[in-house]
């Protein structure tokens, strides 16, 4: 499988504007205004790859770095906080949110990446973790915790590599293919089991009244729905501790231009319950009977032994 780098240090890979070149030369992430946090395994250089695209006329840009979803100063967190707690509450790093809430008549404490630090949760025995990417906690005017929601942000892991493609972009902003692919198997092996497990943990929390928000690019969302058998297998539910809110984001339909970051927009929202996700994930859709027999018969009918291969074993 082969593909291309689609976005490089925040800008379209074909963008040769001064801004795009400056961010690439300084290895700066425009979404956090700091050096890119995604490192290459072999030499420790900063990756800068936000999205990739597979070869083919209908291929689309697919976000592979979660930081890309934090565009517009973590806009997704403000959207989720408003949906869960109502409008009018500002977001603050967890450690200072209590004082701000007392002064402002309420606030949202944020725990997560570059905000409020890590929550001290008990370690889980065996594999897996209780940790989610974000916790948003509603604090009232007295500084008391009223409720909270959890947020998980997922993109898609890549396979192969993009070293040659990356070097061509750094050298002269030239777009060349490489062996980079997409690890769709992780949807079933890692992403969905994590959603189910963390959703089950959260539904036992007295103050988690809206459950888990799961944010991902639209192609990942589509693959999740396909794996679960479609939306029909995931009926809509009202807000509850067992809720899972799927939020699918993708690139804006507005035309991109050099020197500007392509905006993202919310494409779809689907609210269901963790036990429905678990039921759909556990359901097995079997193929028609005798698929092995039919494949063997077809192979026996249409294939011949390659030249030089024995036709019988002695």
C-alpha atoms as a PDB file:
ATOM      1  CA  UNK A   1       0.000   0.000   0.000  1.00  0.00           C
ATOM      2  CA  UNK A   2       1.244   3.484  -0.788  1.00  0.00           C
ATOM      3  CA  UNK A   3       0.139   6.934   0.170  1.00  0.00           C
ATOM      4  CA  UNK A   4       1.072  10.581   0.520  1.00  0.00           C
ATOM      5  CA  UNK A   5       1.477  13.099   3.300  1.00  0.00           C
ATOM      6  CA  UNK A   6      -1.608  15.307   3.035  1.00  0.00           C
ATOM      7  CA  UNK A   7      -0.955  17.887   5.759  1.00  0.00           C
ATOM      8  CA  UNK A   8       2.472  18.900   7.019  1.00  0.00           C
ATOM      9  CA  UNK A   9       2.952  21.004  10.153  1.00  0.00           C
ATOM     10  CA  UNK A  10      -0.668  22.137   9.894  1.00  0.00           C
ATOM     11  CA  UNK A  11      -0.749  23.186   6.242  1.00  0.00           C
ATOM     12  CA  UNK A  12      -1.666  21.423   3.026  1.00  0.00           C
ATOM     13  CA  UNK A  13       1.332  19.436   1.817  1.00  0.00           C
ATOM     14  CA  UNK A  14       1.317  21.318  -1.506  1.00  0.00           C
ATOM     15  CA  UNK A  15       1.207  24.731   0.237  1.00  0.00           C
ATOM     16  CA  UNK A  16       4.491  26.559  -0.429  1.00  0.00           C
ATOM     17  CA  UNK A  17       3.455  29.828   1.235  1.00  0.00           C
ATOM     18  CA  UNK A  18       5.808  31.583   3.645  1.00  0.00           C
ATOM     19  CA  UNK A  19       3.715  30.524   6.634  1.00  0.00           C
ATOM     20  CA  UNK A  20       3.696  26.864   5.648  1.00  0.00           C
ATOM     21  CA  UNK A  21       7.449  26.864   4.994  1.00  0.00           C
ATOM     22  CA  UNK A  22       8.193  28.679   8.264  1.00  0.00           C
ATOM     23  CA  UNK A  23       6.258  26.163  10.351  1.00  0.00           C
ATOM     24  CA  UNK A  24       7.987  23.248   8.622  1.00  0.00           C
ATOM     25  CA  UNK A  25      11.451  24.806   8.981  1.00  0.00           C
ATOM     26  CA  UNK A  26      10.951  25.440  12.705  1.00  0.00           C
ATOM     27  CA  UNK A  27       9.051  22.156  13.290  1.00  0.00           C
ATOM     28  CA  UNK A  28       6.235  24.164  14.890  1.00  0.00           C
ATOM     29  CA  UNK A  29       2.690  22.892  15.389  1.00  0.00           C
ATOM     30  CA  UNK A  30       0.343  25.790  14.516  1.00  0.00           C
ATOM     31  CA  UNK A  31      -2.447  24.342  16.667  1.00  0.00           C
ATOM     32  CA  UNK A  32      -0.455  24.513  19.913  1.00  0.00           C
ATOM     33  CA  UNK A  33       2.163  27.089  18.870  1.00  0.00           C
ATOM     34  CA  UNK A  34       4.914  24.810  20.187  1.00  0.00           C
ATOM     35  CA  UNK A  35       7.271  22.309  18.529  1.00  0.00           C
ATOM     36  CA  UNK A  36       5.417  19.309  17.098  1.00  0.00           C
ATOM     37  CA  UNK A  37       5.000  16.684  19.830  1.00  0.00           C
ATOM     38  CA  UNK A  38       4.883  13.727  17.431  1.00  0.00           C
ATOM     39  CA  UNK A  39       8.386  12.229  17.188  1.00  0.00           C
ATOM     40  CA  UNK A  40       9.884   9.855  14.624  1.00  0.00           C
ATOM     41  CA  UNK A  41      10.822   6.573  16.279  1.00  0.00           C
ATOM     42  CA  UNK A  42      14.183   6.098  14.586  1.00  0.00           C
ATOM     43  CA  UNK A  43      15.900   9.452  14.988  1.00  0.00           C
ATOM     44  CA  UNK A  44      13.694  11.499  17.315  1.00  0.00           C
ATOM     45  CA  UNK A  45      12.963  14.252  14.799  1.00  0.00           C
ATOM     46  CA  UNK A  46       9.580  15.944  14.873  1.00  0.00           C
ATOM     47  CA  UNK A  47       7.172  14.297  12.457  1.00  0.00           C
ATOM     48  CA  UNK A  48       4.920  17.189  11.461  1.00  0.00           C
ATOM     49  CA  UNK A  49       2.497  14.846   9.682  1.00  0.00           C
ATOM     50  CA  UNK A  50      -1.099  15.801  10.516  1.00  0.00           C
ATOM     51  CA  UNK A  51      -2.922  13.818   7.830  1.00  0.00           C
ATOM     52  CA  UNK A  52      -2.198  11.289   5.099  1.00  0.00           C
ATOM     53  CA  UNK A  53      -3.912  10.241   1.900  1.00  0.00           C
ATOM     54  CA  UNK A  54      -3.859   6.865   0.204  1.00  0.00           C
ATOM     55  CA  UNK A  55      -3.251   6.567  -3.517  1.00  0.00           C
ATOM     56  CA  UNK A  56      -6.309   6.608  -5.753  1.00  0.00           C
ATOM     57  CA  UNK A  57      -8.606   9.099  -7.473  1.00  0.00           C
ATOM     58  CA  UNK A  58     -11.236   8.998  -4.704  1.00  0.00           C
ATOM     59  CA  UNK A  59      -8.819   9.009  -1.760  1.00  0.00           C
ATOM     60  CA  UNK A  60      -9.416  11.570   0.970  1.00  0.00           C
ATOM     61  CA  UNK A  61      -7.217  13.270   3.524  1.00  0.00           C
ATOM     62  CA  UNK A  62      -7.424  11.362   6.816  1.00  0.00           C
ATOM     63  CA  UNK A  63      -6.239  12.942  10.063  1.00  0.00           C
ATOM     64  CA  UNK A  64      -3.651  10.802  11.846  1.00  0.00           C
ATOM     65  CA  UNK A  65      -2.574  13.198  14.631  1.00  0.00           C
ATOM     66  CA  UNK A  66      -5.009  13.887  17.503  1.00  0.00           C
ATOM     67  CA  UNK A  67      -3.558  17.378  17.985  1.00  0.00           C
ATOM     68  CA  UNK A  68      -5.085  18.305  14.609  1.00  0.00           C
ATOM     69  CA  UNK A  69      -8.511  18.021  16.245  1.00  0.00           C
ATOM     70  CA  UNK A  70      -7.558  20.679  18.803  1.00  0.00           C
ATOM     71  CA  UNK A  71      -7.650  23.449  16.197  1.00  0.00           C
ATOM     72  CA  UNK A  72      -9.010  26.890  17.112  1.00  0.00           C
ATOM     73  CA  UNK A  73      -7.595  26.762  20.626  1.00  0.00           C
ATOM     74  CA  UNK A  74      -9.227  23.475  21.673  1.00  0.00           C
ATOM     75  CA  UNK A  75     -12.605  24.390  20.231  1.00  0.00           C
ATOM     76  CA  UNK A  76     -13.937  20.848  20.612  1.00  0.00           C
ATOM     77  CA  UNK A  77     -13.638  21.118  24.399  1.00  0.00           C
ATOM     78  CA  UNK A  78     -15.740  24.275  24.464  1.00  0.00           C
ATOM     79  CA  UNK A  79     -18.352  22.613  22.228  1.00  0.00           C
ATOM     80  CA  UNK A  80     -18.537  19.552  24.487  1.00  0.00           C
ATOM     81  CA  UNK A  81     -18.668  21.636  27.689  1.00  0.00           C
ATOM     82  CA  UNK A  82     -21.585  23.653  26.324  1.00  0.00           C
ATOM     83  CA  UNK A  83     -23.419  20.517  25.232  1.00  0.00           C
ATOM     84  CA  UNK A  84     -22.936  18.831  28.600  1.00  0.00           C
ATOM     85  CA  UNK A  85     -23.270  21.746  31.018  1.00  0.00           C
ATOM     86  CA  UNK A  86     -25.010  24.531  29.110  1.00  0.00           C
ATOM     87  CA  UNK A  87     -23.635  27.817  27.827  1.00  0.00           C
ATOM     88  CA  UNK A  88     -21.888  30.604  29.678  1.00  0.00           C
ATOM     89  CA  UNK A  89     -19.171  28.688  31.514  1.00  0.00           C
ATOM     90  CA  UNK A  90     -15.529  29.349  30.687  1.00  0.00           C
ATOM     91  CA  UNK A  91     -12.861  26.653  30.689  1.00  0.00           C
ATOM     92  CA  UNK A  92      -9.845  26.791  33.015  1.00  0.00           C
ATOM     93  CA  UNK A  93      -6.967  24.492  33.878  1.00  0.00           C
ATOM     94  CA  UNK A  94      -8.095  22.198  36.662  1.00  0.00           C
ATOM     95  CA  UNK A  95      -5.923  23.641  39.408  1.00  0.00           C
ATOM     96  CA  UNK A  96      -7.228  27.208  39.073  1.00  0.00           C
ATOM     97  CA  UNK A  97     -10.839  26.477  38.147  1.00  0.00           C
ATOM     98  CA  UNK A  98     -12.183  26.570  41.704  1.00  0.00           C
ATOM     99  CA  UNK A  99     -11.068  30.166  42.322  1.00  0.00           C
ATOM    100  CA  UNK A 100     -12.349  31.212  38.888  1.00  0.00           C
ATOM    101  CA  UNK A 101     -15.717  29.558  39.534  1.00  0.00           C
ATOM    102  CA  UNK A 102     -16.145  31.472  42.791  1.00  0.00           C
ATOM    103  CA  UNK A 103     -15.428  34.751  41.025  1.00  0.00           C
ATOM    104  CA  UNK A 104     -17.465  34.065  37.898  1.00  0.00           C
ATOM    105  CA  UNK A 105     -20.456  32.180  39.293  1.00  0.00           C
ATOM    106  CA  UNK A 106     -19.262  28.875  37.897  1.00  0.00           C
ATOM    107  CA  UNK A 107     -16.602  27.453  35.593  1.00  0.00           C
ATOM    108  CA  UNK A 108     -15.382  24.267  33.903  1.00  0.00           C
ATOM    109  CA  UNK A 109     -12.210  22.623  35.166  1.00  0.00           C
ATOM    110  CA  UNK A 110     -10.199  20.936  32.402  1.00  0.00           C
ATOM    111  CA  UNK A 111      -7.876  18.018  33.107  1.00  0.00           C
ATOM    112  CA  UNK A 112      -5.811  16.804  30.174  1.00  0.00           C
ATOM    113  CA  UNK A 113      -3.157  17.631  27.619  1.00  0.00           C
ATOM    114  CA  UNK A 114      -1.293  20.839  28.611  1.00  0.00           C
ATOM    115  CA  UNK A 115      -4.175  21.876  30.901  1.00  0.00           C
ATOM    116  CA  UNK A 116      -4.906  20.540  34.354  1.00  0.00           C
ATOM    117  CA  UNK A 117      -2.432  17.705  34.558  1.00  0.00           C
ATOM    118  CA  UNK A 118      -3.059  14.053  35.220  1.00  0.00           C
ATOM    119  CA  UNK A 119      -5.816  12.851  37.513  1.00  0.00           C
ATOM    120  CA  UNK A 120      -4.675  10.399  40.161  1.00  0.00           C
ATOM    121  CA  UNK A 121      -6.676   7.281  39.356  1.00  0.00           C
ATOM    122  CA  UNK A 122      -6.049   3.801  40.768  1.00  0.00           C
ATOM    123  CA  UNK A 123      -3.993   1.530  38.546  1.00  0.00           C
ATOM    124  CA  UNK A 124      -5.817  -1.224  36.763  1.00  0.00           C
ATOM    125  CA  UNK A 125      -4.588  -4.777  37.066  1.00  0.00           C
ATOM    126  CA  UNK A 126      -3.551  -6.324  33.762  1.00  0.00           C
ATOM    127  CA  UNK A 127      -3.796  -4.483  30.452  1.00  0.00           C
ATOM    128  CA  UNK A 128      -5.680  -1.267  29.793  1.00  0.00           C
ATOM    129  CA  UNK A 129      -6.261   1.923  31.680  1.00  0.00           C
ATOM    130  CA  UNK A 130      -8.993   3.959  33.325  1.00  0.00           C
ATOM    131  CA  UNK A 131      -7.493   7.134  31.910  1.00  0.00           C
ATOM    132  CA  UNK A 132      -9.311   9.173  29.283  1.00  0.00           C
ATOM    133  CA  UNK A 133      -7.797  12.001  27.259  1.00  0.00           C
ATOM    134  CA  UNK A 134      -9.848  14.722  28.950  1.00  0.00           C
ATOM    135  CA  UNK A 135     -12.096  15.276  31.919  1.00  0.00           C
ATOM    136  CA  UNK A 136     -14.325  18.374  31.964  1.00  0.00           C
ATOM    137  CA  UNK A 137     -15.713  19.136  35.425  1.00  0.00           C
ATOM    138  CA  UNK A 138     -18.486  21.631  36.163  1.00  0.00           C
ATOM    139  CA  UNK A 139     -17.714  23.726  39.272  1.00  0.00           C
ATOM    140  CA  UNK A 140     -20.494  25.815  40.837  1.00  0.00           C
ATOM    141  CA  UNK A 141     -20.242  29.318  42.350  1.00  0.00           C
ATOM    142  CA  UNK A 142     -19.295  27.871  45.758  1.00  0.00           C
ATOM    143  CA  UNK A 143     -16.379  25.971  44.203  1.00  0.00           C
ATOM    144  CA  UNK A 144     -18.121  22.607  44.524  1.00  0.00           C
ATOM    145  CA  UNK A 145     -17.888  19.865  41.927  1.00  0.00           C
ATOM    146  CA  UNK A 146     -21.365  19.393  40.405  1.00  0.00           C
ATOM    147  CA  UNK A 147     -20.746  16.906  37.620  1.00  0.00           C
ATOM    148  CA  UNK A 148     -18.217  15.896  34.991  1.00  0.00           C
ATOM    149  CA  UNK A 149     -17.858  14.279  31.573  1.00  0.00           C
ATOM    150  CA  UNK A 150     -15.020  12.359  29.963  1.00  0.00           C
ATOM    151  CA  UNK A 151     -13.677  12.954  26.466  1.00  0.00           C
ATOM    152  CA  UNK A 152     -11.695  10.530  24.322  1.00  0.00           C
ATOM    153  CA  UNK A 153     -10.027  11.767  21.108  1.00  0.00           C
ATOM    154  CA  UNK A 154      -8.902   9.239  18.503  1.00  0.00           C
ATOM    155  CA  UNK A 155      -7.521   9.476  14.999  1.00  0.00           C
ATOM    156  CA  UNK A 156      -5.905   6.556  13.134  1.00  0.00           C
ATOM    157  CA  UNK A 157      -2.453   5.024  13.385  1.00  0.00           C
ATOM    158  CA  UNK A 158      -0.296   4.740  10.289  1.00  0.00           C
ATOM    159  CA  UNK A 159       1.593   1.736   8.944  1.00  0.00           C
ATOM    160  CA  UNK A 160       4.698   1.677   6.765  1.00  0.00           C
ATOM    161  CA  UNK A 161       6.600   4.949   6.812  1.00  0.00           C
ATOM    162  CA  UNK A 162       6.696   8.405   5.257  1.00  0.00           C
ATOM    163  CA  UNK A 163      10.366   9.269   5.683  1.00  0.00           C
ATOM    164  CA  UNK A 164      11.087   9.836   1.990  1.00  0.00           C
ATOM    165  CA  UNK A 165       7.847  11.781   1.517  1.00  0.00           C
ATOM    166  CA  UNK A 166       8.650  13.904   4.557  1.00  0.00           C
ATOM    167  CA  UNK A 167      12.184  14.637   3.376  1.00  0.00           C
ATOM    168  CA  UNK A 168      10.898  15.711  -0.070  1.00  0.00           C
ATOM    169  CA  UNK A 169       8.512  18.183   1.571  1.00  0.00           C
ATOM    170  CA  UNK A 170      11.266  19.612   3.743  1.00  0.00           C
ATOM    171  CA  UNK A 171      13.693  19.907   0.859  1.00  0.00           C
ATOM    172  CA  UNK A 172      11.554  21.595  -1.792  1.00  0.00           C
ATOM    173  CA  UNK A 173       7.878  21.066  -0.868  1.00  0.00           C
ATOM    174  CA  UNK A 174       7.686  18.241  -3.398  1.00  0.00           C
ATOM    175  CA  UNK A 175       4.863  15.711  -3.027  1.00  0.00           C
ATOM    176  CA  UNK A 176       6.082  12.123  -3.460  1.00  0.00           C
ATOM    177  CA  UNK A 177       4.466   8.793  -2.506  1.00  0.00           C
ATOM    178  CA  UNK A 178       5.761   6.536   0.241  1.00  0.00           C
ATOM    179  CA  UNK A 179       4.787   3.294   1.961  1.00  0.00           C
ATOM    180  CA  UNK A 180       2.520   4.959   4.507  1.00  0.00           C
ATOM    181  CA  UNK A 181      -0.803   3.209   5.077  1.00  0.00           C
ATOM    182  CA  UNK A 182      -3.608   3.197   7.662  1.00  0.00           C
ATOM    183  CA  UNK A 183      -4.074   0.693  10.469  1.00  0.00           C
ATOM    184  CA  UNK A 184      -7.814   0.117  10.254  1.00  0.00           C
ATOM    185  CA  UNK A 185      -7.514  -3.102  12.269  1.00  0.00           C
ATOM    186  CA  UNK A 186      -7.050  -0.956  15.374  1.00  0.00           C
ATOM    187  CA  UNK A 187     -10.726   0.048  15.181  1.00  0.00           C
ATOM    188  CA  UNK A 188     -11.701  -3.457  16.297  1.00  0.00           C
ATOM    189  CA  UNK A 189      -8.598  -4.393  18.249  1.00  0.00           C
ATOM    190  CA  UNK A 190      -8.037  -1.258  20.296  1.00  0.00           C
ATOM    191  CA  UNK A 191     -10.419   1.659  19.756  1.00  0.00           C
ATOM    192  CA  UNK A 192     -13.769  -0.057  20.250  1.00  0.00           C
ATOM    193  CA  UNK A 193     -12.709  -2.169  23.259  1.00  0.00           C
ATOM    194  CA  UNK A 194     -11.382   0.998  24.918  1.00  0.00           C
ATOM    195  CA  UNK A 195     -14.634   2.880  24.298  1.00  0.00           C
ATOM    196  CA  UNK A 196     -16.663   0.033  25.792  1.00  0.00           C
ATOM    197  CA  UNK A 197     -14.431  -0.434  28.834  1.00  0.00           C
ATOM    198  CA  UNK A 198     -14.169   3.258  29.696  1.00  0.00           C
ATOM    199  CA  UNK A 199     -17.891   3.757  29.104  1.00  0.00           C
ATOM    200  CA  UNK A 200     -18.641   0.961  31.564  1.00  0.00           C
ATOM    201  CA  UNK A 201     -16.366   2.510  34.187  1.00  0.00           C
ATOM    202  CA  UNK A 202     -17.959   5.939  33.762  1.00  0.00           C
ATOM    203  CA  UNK A 203     -21.550   4.728  34.067  1.00  0.00           C
ATOM    204  CA  UNK A 204     -20.756   3.759  37.667  1.00  0.00           C
ATOM    205  CA  UNK A 205     -19.705   7.326  38.533  1.00  0.00           C
ATOM    206  CA  UNK A 206     -22.325   9.232  40.521  1.00  0.00           C
ATOM    207  CA  UNK A 207     -21.337  12.626  39.080  1.00  0.00           C
ATOM    208  CA  UNK A 208     -20.769  11.560  35.459  1.00  0.00           C
ATOM    209  CA  UNK A 209     -24.253  12.411  34.236  1.00  0.00           C
ATOM    210  CA  UNK A 210     -23.527  12.584  30.487  1.00  0.00           C
ATOM    211  CA  UNK A 211     -21.113   9.712  30.000  1.00  0.00           C
ATOM    212  CA  UNK A 212     -18.309   9.681  27.438  1.00  0.00           C
ATOM    213  CA  UNK A 213     -17.743  11.920  24.409  1.00  0.00           C
ATOM    214  CA  UNK A 214     -15.786  10.236  21.630  1.00  0.00           C
ATOM    215  CA  UNK A 215     -14.256  12.582  19.033  1.00  0.00           C
ATOM    216  CA  UNK A 216     -12.736  11.252  15.823  1.00  0.00           C
ATOM    217  CA  UNK A 217     -12.314  12.025  12.099  1.00  0.00           C
ATOM    218  CA  UNK A 218     -15.274  11.124   9.893  1.00  0.00           C
ATOM    219  CA  UNK A 219     -13.503   8.195   8.145  1.00  0.00           C
ATOM    220  CA  UNK A 220     -12.765   6.608  11.547  1.00  0.00           C
ATOM    221  CA  UNK A 221     -16.377   7.206  12.603  1.00  0.00           C
ATOM    222  CA  UNK A 222     -17.586   5.549   9.395  1.00  0.00           C
ATOM    223  CA  UNK A 223     -15.362   2.526  10.015  1.00  0.00           C
ATOM    224  CA  UNK A 224     -16.640   2.224  13.591  1.00  0.00           C
ATOM    225  CA  UNK A 225     -20.248   2.300  12.410  1.00  0.00           C
ATOM    226  CA  UNK A 226     -19.474  -0.319   9.752  1.00  0.00           C
ATOM    227  CA  UNK A 227     -17.855  -2.574  12.353  1.00  0.00           C
ATOM    228  CA  UNK A 228     -20.895  -2.182  14.640  1.00  0.00           C
ATOM    229  CA  UNK A 229     -23.406  -2.903  11.886  1.00  0.00           C
ATOM    230  CA  UNK A 230     -24.549   0.651  11.198  1.00  0.00           C
ATOM    231  CA  UNK A 231     -26.584   3.212  13.095  1.00  0.00           C
ATOM    232  CA  UNK A 232     -29.566   0.856  13.221  1.00  0.00           C
ATOM    233  CA  UNK A 233     -27.647  -1.231  15.747  1.00  0.00           C
ATOM    234  CA  UNK A 234     -27.005   1.874  17.874  1.00  0.00           C
ATOM    235  CA  UNK A 235     -30.351   3.482  18.741  1.00  0.00           C
ATOM    236  CA  UNK A 236     -30.393   7.067  19.988  1.00  0.00           C
ATOM    237  CA  UNK A 237     -30.661   7.467  23.752  1.00  0.00           C
ATOM    238  CA  UNK A 238     -31.274  10.461  25.971  1.00  0.00           C
ATOM    239  CA  UNK A 239     -28.398  11.770  28.077  1.00  0.00           C
ATOM    240  CA  UNK A 240     -27.409   9.387  30.889  1.00  0.00           C
ATOM    241  CA  UNK A 241     -24.282   8.127  32.716  1.00  0.00           C
ATOM    242  CA  UNK A 242     -24.041   5.252  30.199  1.00  0.00           C
ATOM    243  CA  UNK A 243     -24.095   7.625  27.205  1.00  0.00           C
ATOM    244  CA  UNK A 244     -21.528   7.547  24.432  1.00  0.00           C
ATOM    245  CA  UNK A 245     -21.627  10.651  22.252  1.00  0.00           C
ATOM    246  CA  UNK A 246     -19.898  10.093  18.914  1.00  0.00           C
ATOM    247  CA  UNK A 247     -18.673  13.369  17.374  1.00  0.00           C
ATOM    248  CA  UNK A 248     -17.324  13.050  13.832  1.00  0.00           C
ATOM    249  CA  UNK A 249     -15.148  15.848  12.414  1.00  0.00           C
ATOM    250  CA  UNK A 250     -13.758  16.384   8.946  1.00  0.00           C
ATOM    251  CA  UNK A 251     -12.323  19.105   6.776  1.00  0.00           C
ATOM    252  CA  UNK A 252     -14.610  21.988   5.928  1.00  0.00           C
ATOM    253  CA  UNK A 253     -16.183  21.888   2.505  1.00  0.00           C
ATOM    254  CA  UNK A 254     -14.944  25.407   1.845  1.00  0.00           C
ATOM    255  CA  UNK A 255     -12.041  25.638  -0.595  1.00  0.00           C
ATOM    256  CA  UNK A 256      -8.581  25.669   0.945  1.00  0.00           C
ATOM    257  CA  UNK A 257      -6.025  28.317   0.054  1.00  0.00           C
ATOM    258  CA  UNK A 258      -2.286  28.626   0.468  1.00  0.00           C
ATOM    259  CA  UNK A 259      -1.146  30.261   3.676  1.00  0.00           C
ATOM    260  CA  UNK A 260      -4.308  29.234   5.569  1.00  0.00           C
ATOM    261  CA  UNK A 261      -5.103  26.208   7.698  1.00  0.00           C
ATOM    262  CA  UNK A 262      -8.038  24.213   6.393  1.00  0.00           C
ATOM    263  CA  UNK A 263     -10.808  24.515   9.025  1.00  0.00           C
ATOM    264  CA  UNK A 264     -12.587  21.506  10.476  1.00  0.00           C
ATOM    265  CA  UNK A 265     -16.300  21.154  11.035  1.00  0.00           C
ATOM    266  CA  UNK A 266     -18.580  18.814  12.922  1.00  0.00           C
ATOM    267  CA  UNK A 267     -20.025  16.419  10.342  1.00  0.00           C
ATOM    268  CA  UNK A 268     -22.170  14.089  12.435  1.00  0.00           C
ATOM    269  CA  UNK A 269     -23.248  13.452  16.029  1.00  0.00           C
ATOM    270  CA  UNK A 270     -24.718  10.220  17.325  1.00  0.00           C
ATOM    271  CA  UNK A 271     -25.699   9.647  20.961  1.00  0.00           C
ATOM    272  CA  UNK A 272     -26.156   6.060  22.084  1.00  0.00           C
ATOM    273  CA  UNK A 273     -25.408   3.925  25.155  1.00  0.00           C
ATOM    274  CA  UNK A 274     -22.339   1.876  26.038  1.00  0.00           C
ATOM    275  CA  UNK A 275     -24.326  -1.349  26.401  1.00  0.00           C
ATOM    276  CA  UNK A 276     -25.659  -0.936  22.853  1.00  0.00           C
ATOM    277  CA  UNK A 277     -22.122  -0.460  21.566  1.00  0.00           C
ATOM    278  CA  UNK A 278     -21.051  -3.583  23.452  1.00  0.00           C
ATOM    279  CA  UNK A 279     -23.962  -5.601  22.061  1.00  0.00           C
ATOM    280  CA  UNK A 280     -23.189  -4.530  18.512  1.00  0.00           C
ATOM    281  CA  UNK A 281     -19.467  -5.174  18.940  1.00  0.00           C
ATOM    282  CA  UNK A 282     -20.081  -8.669  20.329  1.00  0.00           C
ATOM    283  CA  UNK A 283     -22.600  -9.633  17.656  1.00  0.00           C
ATOM    284  CA  UNK A 284     -21.074 -11.910  15.047  1.00  0.00           C
ATOM    285  CA  UNK A 285     -22.302 -11.780  11.465  1.00  0.00           C
ATOM    286  CA  UNK A 286     -21.467 -15.144   9.920  1.00  0.00           C
ATOM    287  CA  UNK A 287     -20.925 -15.614   6.186  1.00  0.00           C
ATOM    288  CA  UNK A 288     -23.066 -17.962   4.115  1.00  0.00           C
ATOM    289  CA  UNK A 289     -22.701 -21.686   4.773  1.00  0.00           C
ATOM    290  CA  UNK A 290     -19.972 -23.615   2.940  1.00  0.00           C
ATOM    291  CA  UNK A 291     -17.792 -20.634   2.023  1.00  0.00           C
ATOM    292  CA  UNK A 292     -14.652 -22.751   2.542  1.00  0.00           C
ATOM    293  CA  UNK A 293     -15.998 -25.562   0.368  1.00  0.00           C
ATOM    294  CA  UNK A 294     -16.919 -23.158  -2.422  1.00  0.00           C
ATOM    295  CA  UNK A 295     -13.495 -21.506  -2.296  1.00  0.00           C
ATOM    296  CA  UNK A 296     -11.753 -24.895  -2.502  1.00  0.00           C
ATOM    297  CA  UNK A 297     -13.907 -26.014  -5.427  1.00  0.00           C
ATOM    298  CA  UNK A 298     -13.252 -22.766  -7.254  1.00  0.00           C
ATOM    299  CA  UNK A 299      -9.521 -23.096  -6.674  1.00  0.00           C
ATOM    300  CA  UNK A 300      -9.506 -26.700  -7.880  1.00  0.00           C
ATOM    301  CA  UNK A 301     -11.429 -25.738 -10.994  1.00  0.00           C
ATOM    302  CA  UNK A 302      -9.479 -22.669 -12.072  1.00  0.00           C
ATOM    303  CA  UNK A 303      -5.913 -23.073 -10.862  1.00  0.00           C
ATOM    304  CA  UNK A 304      -3.057 -25.208 -12.111  1.00  0.00           C
ATOM    305  CA  UNK A 305       0.169 -26.127 -10.360  1.00  0.00           C
ATOM    306  CA  UNK A 306       2.901 -23.563 -11.133  1.00  0.00           C
ATOM    307  CA  UNK A 307       5.711 -24.685 -13.396  1.00  0.00           C
ATOM    308  CA  UNK A 308       8.328 -26.625 -11.467  1.00  0.00           C
ATOM    309  CA  UNK A 309       5.989 -27.468  -8.590  1.00  0.00           C
ATOM    310  CA  UNK A 310       5.289 -31.133  -7.862  1.00  0.00           C
ATOM    311  CA  UNK A 311       1.819 -32.381  -8.802  1.00  0.00           C
ATOM    312  CA  UNK A 312       1.909 -35.067  -6.133  1.00  0.00           C
ATOM    313  CA  UNK A 313       3.712 -35.753  -2.905  1.00  0.00           C
ATOM    314  CA  UNK A 314       5.497 -39.036  -2.371  1.00  0.00           C
END
